[in-house]
Protein backbone atom coordinates (compact mmCIF):
# COMPACT_ATOMS: atom_id res chain seq x y z
CA MET A 1 22.71 21.35 -14.15
CA ILE A 2 24.47 24.36 -12.65
CA ALA A 3 22.50 27.63 -12.62
CA ARG A 4 24.00 31.01 -13.46
CA PRO A 5 21.82 33.50 -11.54
CA SER A 6 22.11 37.23 -12.16
CA ASP A 7 23.94 39.53 -9.74
CA PHE A 8 20.54 40.78 -8.55
CA ALA A 9 19.29 37.25 -7.86
CA ARG A 10 22.46 36.35 -5.95
CA SER A 11 22.24 39.48 -3.79
CA ALA A 12 18.47 39.70 -3.16
CA LEU A 13 16.74 36.36 -3.76
CA TYR A 14 16.85 32.68 -2.94
CA TYR A 15 18.02 30.91 -6.07
CA VAL A 16 18.87 27.43 -7.30
CA GLN A 17 22.57 26.65 -7.57
CA LYS A 18 22.48 23.06 -8.82
CA VAL A 19 19.87 20.49 -9.81
CA GLY A 20 20.41 16.91 -10.82
CA HIS A 21 20.64 13.24 -9.92
CA PHE A 22 23.41 12.11 -7.63
CA TYR A 23 24.10 8.39 -7.22
CA THR A 24 26.23 6.95 -4.40
CA GLN A 25 27.37 3.58 -3.17
CA ALA A 26 28.33 2.70 0.39
CA PRO A 27 30.55 3.65 1.98
CA TYR A 28 29.86 7.30 1.13
CA PHE A 29 29.37 10.44 3.20
CA THR A 30 29.01 14.19 2.83
CA GLU A 31 29.99 16.49 5.71
CA ARG A 32 29.50 20.26 5.62
CA GLU A 33 29.30 23.35 7.79
CA GLY A 34 29.56 27.09 7.36
CA ILE A 35 28.29 27.29 3.77
CA VAL A 36 25.87 30.12 2.96
CA SER A 37 23.36 27.87 1.22
CA PHE A 38 20.37 25.61 1.76
CA LEU A 39 20.17 22.00 0.64
CA VAL A 40 17.11 20.03 -0.46
CA ILE A 41 17.66 16.32 -1.04
CA TYR A 42 15.14 13.68 -2.05
CA THR A 43 16.10 10.07 -1.37
CA ALA A 44 14.70 8.10 -4.30
CA SER A 45 15.86 4.67 -3.11
CA GLY A 46 18.33 2.98 -0.82
CA SER A 47 19.02 4.04 2.74
CA GLY A 48 21.24 6.28 4.77
CA SER A 49 21.27 8.70 7.65
CA LEU A 50 21.41 12.43 8.25
CA SER A 51 22.80 14.00 11.42
CA TYR A 52 21.69 17.62 11.67
CA ALA A 53 20.97 20.04 14.55
CA ASP A 54 21.83 17.45 17.22
CA LYS A 55 19.44 14.82 15.80
CA THR A 56 19.97 11.79 13.58
CA TYR A 57 17.42 10.75 10.98
CA LYS A 58 17.19 7.46 9.08
CA LEU A 59 16.67 8.09 5.36
CA THR A 60 14.94 5.66 3.04
CA GLY A 61 13.25 5.96 -0.34
CA GLY A 62 10.72 8.80 -0.42
CA TYR A 63 12.35 10.97 2.26
CA VAL A 64 13.04 14.65 1.62
CA PHE A 65 15.13 16.96 3.78
CA PHE A 66 15.79 20.70 3.74
CA ILE A 67 18.74 22.00 5.72
CA ASP A 68 20.67 25.20 6.34
CA CYS A 69 24.26 24.48 5.31
CA MET A 70 25.60 26.93 7.90
CA THR A 71 24.69 24.26 10.49
CA TYR A 72 26.97 21.23 10.78
CA HIS A 73 25.56 18.13 9.08
CA ILE A 74 26.74 14.75 7.86
CA SER A 75 24.82 12.38 5.62
CA THR A 76 25.84 8.80 4.88
CA THR A 77 24.86 6.05 2.48
CA GLN A 78 24.39 2.66 4.08
CA ARG A 79 24.95 -0.77 2.63
CA THR A 80 21.79 -2.66 1.72
């Protein structure tokens, strides 16, 4: 689902841009930096890793992360 916030919301509030389920299969990665946005991801199952702010985190089912997309990050899906 893609949200369509008002001009006021976009200029003065935090707002949701997208919500949904996203399924991946290894090998898969997402690499970002310099985006004026925040990202919240919940790992429902499987495994992967997140490198963010000079640290690397192993992700498995049940993990949630919240990141500032202005900061460089890369997340990967690992084979199981």
